N, C-alpha and C. Protein backbone atom coordinates (compact mmCIF):
# COMPACT_ATOMS: atom_id res chain seq x y z
N MET A 1 122.88 28.30 120.76
CA MET A 1 123.69 27.21 120.23
C MET A 1 122.77 26.10 119.72
N THR A 2 123.16 25.51 118.61
CA THR A 2 122.40 24.42 118.02
C THR A 2 123.22 23.14 118.08
N LYS A 3 122.57 22.08 118.62
CA LYS A 3 123.22 20.77 118.72
C LYS A 3 122.28 19.73 118.15
N ILE A 4 122.85 18.77 117.45
CA ILE A 4 122.07 17.65 116.95
C ILE A 4 122.72 16.36 117.43
N PHE A 5 121.98 15.61 118.24
CA PHE A 5 122.43 14.32 118.73
C PHE A 5 121.88 13.27 117.78
N HIS A 6 122.77 12.48 117.19
CA HIS A 6 122.35 11.52 116.17
C HIS A 6 123.20 10.26 116.25
N LEU A 7 122.82 9.27 115.45
CA LEU A 7 123.59 8.04 115.32
C LEU A 7 124.04 7.95 113.87
N ALA A 8 125.34 7.90 113.66
CA ALA A 8 125.89 7.92 112.30
C ALA A 8 125.43 6.76 111.44
N THR A 9 125.18 5.61 112.04
CA THR A 9 124.79 4.42 111.27
C THR A 9 123.29 4.35 111.01
N CYS A 10 122.55 5.29 111.53
CA CYS A 10 121.09 5.30 111.37
C CYS A 10 120.72 6.01 110.07
N SER A 11 120.11 5.29 109.16
CA SER A 11 119.75 5.87 107.86
C SER A 11 118.71 6.98 108.01
N THR A 12 117.84 6.88 108.98
CA THR A 12 116.85 7.92 109.22
C THR A 12 117.53 9.21 109.67
N CYS A 13 118.49 9.08 110.60
CA CYS A 13 119.25 10.26 111.04
C CYS A 13 120.01 10.88 109.87
N GLN A 14 120.61 10.05 109.04
CA GLN A 14 121.35 10.54 107.87
C GLN A 14 120.43 11.31 106.94
N ARG A 15 119.22 10.78 106.70
CA ARG A 15 118.25 11.43 105.82
C ARG A 15 117.83 12.79 106.40
N ILE A 16 117.57 12.82 107.70
CA ILE A 16 117.14 14.07 108.34
C ILE A 16 118.26 15.10 108.32
N LEU A 17 119.49 14.68 108.58
CA LEU A 17 120.62 15.61 108.52
C LEU A 17 120.77 16.19 107.12
N LYS A 18 120.60 15.34 106.12
CA LYS A 18 120.70 15.80 104.73
C LYS A 18 119.60 16.82 104.43
N GLU A 19 118.41 16.56 104.97
CA GLU A 19 117.27 17.45 104.77
C GLU A 19 117.48 18.80 105.47
N LEU A 20 118.03 18.77 106.67
CA LEU A 20 118.24 20.00 107.44
C LEU A 20 119.44 20.80 106.96
N GLN A 21 120.42 20.14 106.39
CA GLN A 21 121.65 20.77 105.91
C GLN A 21 122.27 21.71 106.96
N PRO A 22 122.65 21.15 108.12
CA PRO A 22 123.23 22.01 109.16
C PRO A 22 124.57 22.59 108.72
N GLY A 23 124.77 23.84 109.06
CA GLY A 23 126.02 24.52 108.71
C GLY A 23 127.10 24.22 109.73
N PRO A 24 128.27 24.81 109.52
CA PRO A 24 129.43 24.56 110.40
C PRO A 24 129.21 25.07 111.84
N GLU A 25 128.25 25.96 112.02
CA GLU A 25 127.97 26.49 113.37
C GLU A 25 127.17 25.50 114.23
N VAL A 26 126.64 24.46 113.59
CA VAL A 26 125.85 23.45 114.29
C VAL A 26 126.77 22.35 114.81
N GLN A 27 126.63 22.03 116.09
CA GLN A 27 127.44 20.98 116.68
C GLN A 27 126.73 19.64 116.50
N LEU A 28 127.35 18.75 115.72
CA LEU A 28 126.81 17.41 115.51
C LEU A 28 127.43 16.49 116.54
N ARG A 29 126.61 15.70 117.19
CA ARG A 29 127.10 14.82 118.24
C ARG A 29 126.67 13.39 117.94
N GLU A 30 127.65 12.55 117.65
CA GLU A 30 127.41 11.14 117.36
C GLU A 30 127.36 10.40 118.70
N ILE A 31 126.18 9.90 119.06
CA ILE A 31 125.97 9.40 120.43
C ILE A 31 126.58 8.03 120.72
N LYS A 32 126.96 7.30 119.69
CA LYS A 32 127.60 6.00 119.95
C LYS A 32 129.07 6.20 120.32
N SER A 33 129.75 7.04 119.57
CA SER A 33 131.17 7.27 119.82
C SER A 33 131.41 8.26 120.95
N GLU A 34 130.44 9.13 121.20
CA GLU A 34 130.56 10.11 122.28
C GLU A 34 129.23 10.14 123.05
N PRO A 35 129.07 9.21 124.00
CA PRO A 35 127.80 9.08 124.73
C PRO A 35 127.36 10.38 125.41
N ILE A 36 126.06 10.52 125.56
CA ILE A 36 125.54 11.71 126.23
C ILE A 36 125.85 11.64 127.72
N THR A 37 125.98 12.79 128.31
CA THR A 37 126.34 12.89 129.72
C THR A 37 125.07 13.06 130.57
N GLU A 38 125.24 12.92 131.87
CA GLU A 38 124.11 13.12 132.78
C GLU A 38 123.58 14.55 132.66
N GLU A 39 124.48 15.51 132.53
CA GLU A 39 124.06 16.91 132.41
C GLU A 39 123.25 17.12 131.13
N GLU A 40 123.69 16.49 130.05
CA GLU A 40 122.98 16.65 128.77
C GLU A 40 121.59 16.02 128.82
N ILE A 41 121.49 14.81 129.39
CA ILE A 41 120.17 14.16 129.43
C ILE A 41 119.23 14.94 130.36
N ASP A 42 119.78 15.50 131.43
CA ASP A 42 118.95 16.30 132.34
C ASP A 42 118.47 17.57 131.65
N ARG A 43 119.33 18.18 130.85
CA ARG A 43 118.93 19.39 130.09
C ARG A 43 117.87 19.03 129.05
N MET A 44 118.05 17.89 128.38
CA MET A 44 117.05 17.45 127.40
C MET A 44 115.70 17.23 128.07
N LYS A 45 115.73 16.62 129.26
CA LYS A 45 114.49 16.37 130.01
C LYS A 45 113.81 17.68 130.37
N GLU A 46 114.63 18.65 130.79
CA GLU A 46 114.11 19.97 131.14
C GLU A 46 113.36 20.58 129.95
N LEU A 47 113.93 20.44 128.76
CA LEU A 47 113.31 21.01 127.56
C LEU A 47 112.14 20.18 127.05
N ALA A 48 112.24 18.84 127.15
CA ALA A 48 111.21 17.95 126.60
C ALA A 48 110.06 17.72 127.58
N GLY A 49 110.32 17.89 128.87
CA GLY A 49 109.27 17.69 129.85
C GLY A 49 109.37 16.40 130.64
N SER A 50 109.99 15.37 130.05
CA SER A 50 110.16 14.10 130.77
C SER A 50 111.22 13.26 130.08
N TYR A 51 111.75 12.31 130.85
CA TYR A 51 112.71 11.36 130.26
C TYR A 51 111.97 10.41 129.32
N GLU A 52 110.72 10.14 129.63
CA GLU A 52 109.93 9.24 128.78
C GLU A 52 109.82 9.78 127.36
N GLN A 53 109.72 11.11 127.21
CA GLN A 53 109.66 11.72 125.88
C GLN A 53 110.92 11.46 125.07
N LEU A 54 112.02 11.22 125.76
CA LEU A 54 113.32 11.00 125.10
C LEU A 54 113.61 9.52 124.86
N PHE A 55 112.79 8.66 125.41
CA PHE A 55 113.04 7.22 125.40
C PHE A 55 112.42 6.56 124.18
N SER A 56 113.21 5.72 123.52
CA SER A 56 112.73 5.01 122.33
C SER A 56 112.30 3.58 122.67
N ARG A 57 111.03 3.33 122.48
CA ARG A 57 110.51 1.97 122.66
C ARG A 57 110.71 1.13 121.40
N ARG A 58 111.20 1.75 120.36
CA ARG A 58 111.45 1.04 119.10
C ARG A 58 112.81 0.34 119.08
N ALA A 59 113.65 0.66 120.05
CA ALA A 59 114.98 0.06 120.13
C ALA A 59 114.85 -1.47 120.27
N MET A 60 115.69 -2.19 119.56
CA MET A 60 115.64 -3.65 119.61
C MET A 60 115.83 -4.18 121.04
N LYS A 61 116.67 -3.51 121.79
CA LYS A 61 116.96 -3.96 123.15
C LYS A 61 115.76 -3.79 124.09
N TYR A 62 114.80 -2.97 123.71
CA TYR A 62 113.63 -2.73 124.55
C TYR A 62 112.91 -4.05 124.84
N ARG A 63 112.70 -4.84 123.82
CA ARG A 63 112.03 -6.14 123.99
C ARG A 63 113.01 -7.20 124.49
N SER A 64 114.21 -7.22 123.93
CA SER A 64 115.16 -8.27 124.30
C SER A 64 115.54 -8.21 125.78
N MET A 65 115.50 -7.01 126.36
CA MET A 65 115.80 -6.86 127.78
C MET A 65 114.55 -7.04 128.65
N GLY A 66 113.41 -7.26 127.99
CA GLY A 66 112.16 -7.45 128.73
C GLY A 66 111.57 -6.17 129.30
N LEU A 67 112.04 -5.03 128.81
CA LEU A 67 111.55 -3.75 129.34
C LEU A 67 110.08 -3.52 128.99
N ASN A 68 109.64 -4.14 127.89
CA ASN A 68 108.25 -3.98 127.48
C ASN A 68 107.28 -4.63 128.47
N GLU A 69 107.79 -5.49 129.33
CA GLU A 69 106.96 -6.17 130.32
C GLU A 69 107.09 -5.54 131.71
N MET A 70 107.86 -4.48 131.80
CA MET A 70 108.09 -3.81 133.08
C MET A 70 107.37 -2.46 133.10
N GLU A 71 107.07 -2.00 134.29
CA GLU A 71 106.51 -0.67 134.44
C GLU A 71 107.67 0.27 134.75
N LEU A 72 108.03 1.10 133.79
CA LEU A 72 109.19 1.97 133.94
C LEU A 72 108.77 3.35 134.43
N GLY A 73 109.61 3.93 135.28
CA GLY A 73 109.40 5.29 135.78
C GLY A 73 110.44 6.22 135.18
N GLU A 74 110.34 7.48 135.53
CA GLU A 74 111.25 8.49 134.99
C GLU A 74 112.73 8.15 135.24
N GLU A 75 113.05 7.71 136.45
CA GLU A 75 114.45 7.37 136.75
C GLU A 75 114.92 6.17 135.94
N ASP A 76 113.99 5.24 135.64
CA ASP A 76 114.35 4.08 134.80
C ASP A 76 114.68 4.54 133.39
N TYR A 77 113.84 5.42 132.83
CA TYR A 77 114.09 5.93 131.48
C TYR A 77 115.46 6.62 131.42
N ARG A 78 115.74 7.44 132.41
CA ARG A 78 117.02 8.15 132.47
C ARG A 78 118.18 7.16 132.52
N LYS A 79 118.07 6.19 133.41
CA LYS A 79 119.13 5.19 133.60
C LYS A 79 119.41 4.43 132.30
N TYR A 80 118.35 3.96 131.64
CA TYR A 80 118.55 3.18 130.42
C TYR A 80 119.11 4.01 129.27
N ILE A 81 118.69 5.26 129.16
CA ILE A 81 119.24 6.13 128.11
C ILE A 81 120.73 6.36 128.34
N LEU A 82 121.11 6.56 129.59
CA LEU A 82 122.52 6.79 129.89
C LEU A 82 123.36 5.52 129.71
N GLU A 83 122.78 4.37 129.98
CA GLU A 83 123.50 3.10 129.86
C GLU A 83 123.66 2.65 128.41
N GLU A 84 122.65 2.93 127.59
CA GLU A 84 122.63 2.39 126.23
C GLU A 84 122.13 3.45 125.25
N TYR A 85 123.00 3.92 124.39
CA TYR A 85 122.66 5.00 123.44
C TYR A 85 121.43 4.69 122.60
N THR A 86 121.17 3.42 122.36
CA THR A 86 120.07 3.03 121.48
C THR A 86 118.69 3.42 122.04
N PHE A 87 118.62 3.69 123.35
CA PHE A 87 117.35 4.06 123.95
C PHE A 87 117.01 5.54 123.80
N LEU A 88 117.93 6.34 123.27
CA LEU A 88 117.61 7.75 123.02
C LEU A 88 116.86 7.85 121.70
N LYS A 89 115.68 8.44 121.76
CA LYS A 89 114.90 8.65 120.55
C LYS A 89 115.67 9.63 119.68
N ARG A 90 115.89 9.27 118.42
CA ARG A 90 116.77 10.06 117.57
C ARG A 90 116.06 10.60 116.33
N PRO A 91 116.64 11.69 115.82
CA PRO A 91 117.65 12.56 116.41
C PRO A 91 117.04 13.48 117.47
N VAL A 92 117.91 14.06 118.28
CA VAL A 92 117.49 15.10 119.22
C VAL A 92 118.15 16.38 118.73
N ILE A 93 117.32 17.36 118.43
CA ILE A 93 117.81 18.64 117.92
C ILE A 93 117.50 19.71 118.96
N ILE A 94 118.53 20.39 119.42
CA ILE A 94 118.35 21.46 120.40
C ILE A 94 118.80 22.76 119.74
N ILE A 95 117.85 23.69 119.66
CA ILE A 95 118.14 25.02 119.11
C ILE A 95 117.79 26.02 120.21
N ASP A 96 118.83 26.59 120.81
CA ASP A 96 118.67 27.49 121.96
C ASP A 96 117.87 26.80 123.06
N ASP A 97 116.62 27.22 123.29
CA ASP A 97 115.81 26.59 124.34
C ASP A 97 114.66 25.78 123.77
N LYS A 98 114.78 25.37 122.52
CA LYS A 98 113.77 24.52 121.87
C LYS A 98 114.38 23.14 121.65
N ILE A 99 113.53 22.11 121.77
CA ILE A 99 114.00 20.75 121.53
C ILE A 99 113.04 20.05 120.58
N PHE A 100 113.62 19.27 119.68
CA PHE A 100 112.86 18.47 118.73
C PHE A 100 113.37 17.04 118.88
N VAL A 101 112.47 16.12 119.26
CA VAL A 101 112.88 14.76 119.58
C VAL A 101 112.20 13.78 118.64
N GLY A 102 113.01 12.96 117.99
CA GLY A 102 112.47 11.90 117.15
C GLY A 102 112.44 12.24 115.68
N ASN A 103 111.83 11.33 114.93
CA ASN A 103 111.89 11.44 113.47
C ASN A 103 110.53 11.44 112.79
N THR A 104 109.47 11.78 113.53
CA THR A 104 108.17 11.86 112.87
C THR A 104 108.18 13.04 111.90
N LYS A 105 107.33 12.97 110.90
CA LYS A 105 107.27 14.05 109.90
C LYS A 105 106.98 15.39 110.55
N LYS A 106 106.08 15.38 111.53
CA LYS A 106 105.70 16.61 112.22
C LYS A 106 106.90 17.23 112.95
N VAL A 107 107.66 16.40 113.66
CA VAL A 107 108.82 16.89 114.41
C VAL A 107 109.89 17.42 113.45
N VAL A 108 110.16 16.66 112.40
CA VAL A 108 111.19 17.07 111.44
C VAL A 108 110.79 18.37 110.74
N ALA A 109 109.50 18.49 110.37
CA ALA A 109 109.02 19.71 109.72
C ALA A 109 109.15 20.92 110.66
N ALA A 110 108.82 20.72 111.93
CA ALA A 110 108.93 21.81 112.90
C ALA A 110 110.39 22.22 113.11
N ALA A 111 111.27 21.24 113.17
CA ALA A 111 112.71 21.53 113.33
C ALA A 111 113.23 22.26 112.11
N LYS A 112 112.82 21.80 110.96
CA LYS A 112 113.28 22.42 109.70
C LYS A 112 112.83 23.87 109.62
N GLU A 113 111.59 24.12 110.01
CA GLU A 113 111.04 25.47 110.00
C GLU A 113 111.83 26.37 110.97
N TYR A 114 112.09 25.86 112.14
CA TYR A 114 112.83 26.61 113.15
C TYR A 114 114.29 26.78 112.75
N PHE A 115 114.82 25.77 112.08
CA PHE A 115 116.21 25.75 111.63
C PHE A 115 116.47 26.86 110.63
N ASN A 116 115.53 27.07 109.72
CA ASN A 116 115.69 28.08 108.68
C ASN A 116 115.22 29.40 109.20
């Protein structure tokens, strides 16, 4: 099964979705209107290796909440991602047992290659 967790208002996510051209068999999940569950974040962590890999330090709230001045652990990353969708590094693409996290050119190229 292929799932793509994205934010509809994010222009980068929109660009990547357009580039990947997912078919009807791909489950698109808009994380603002349908937040990720504990089971989903735990599965993502299992595939990615850590919650930190899934956490976005680029989120505006990262600085405004003073998180940049704190020493965060794995449980903190998990908690903040579950509390606030903006902390999930986007998009997250899961294809069977492979995960692609974020929007770097390397990640998108690898996802695209695996996608096709």
